[in-house]
Amino acid sequence: QVQLVESGGGLVQPGGSLRLSCATSGRSGSGYPVGWFRQAPGKEREFVAGIAWAGEITEYGDSVKGRFTISRDAAKTTVYLQMNSLRPADTAVYYCAAGAVCGGYGCYNVPILHTTYPYWGQGTQVTVSS
């Protein structure tokens, strides 16, 4: 079991920045990828960014490339999502998720399908509005 707790959401004006945090616990001694997803009302859950367990490999959704950055602390217990140049279209509930335990070369992989992530946080609201 992995527990995930997001924080850092809020209201920001267009062009502004926010940093989300995802604190993870449980499953000590095992490696797994972490992803950020978002879901706006009436829309499907969308992949935003993900980071592999090994090699600091990252992936981004097309709509956030060049604006958002995913990173992780040295202890690999907290994952961050730095969001710059925010737009009203970025308004959504943001979730972090933990993937399945990885091994070998699989630890360099970043899944982008939400169905491959078994553990989810409760979500944090991000609203971009003037």
Foldseek 3Di string as FASTA:
>chain_A
DKAKAKDWADEAAAQAKTKMKIFMDDPPPFFWKKFKWWDDPPDDIFTAKIAFRPDRDMDGDPVQPPFWDWDADPVRGMIMIIGGRDDQVPWTWMKMFIADTDDDPRSRDTDGDPVRTDGIYPTDTHGYHD
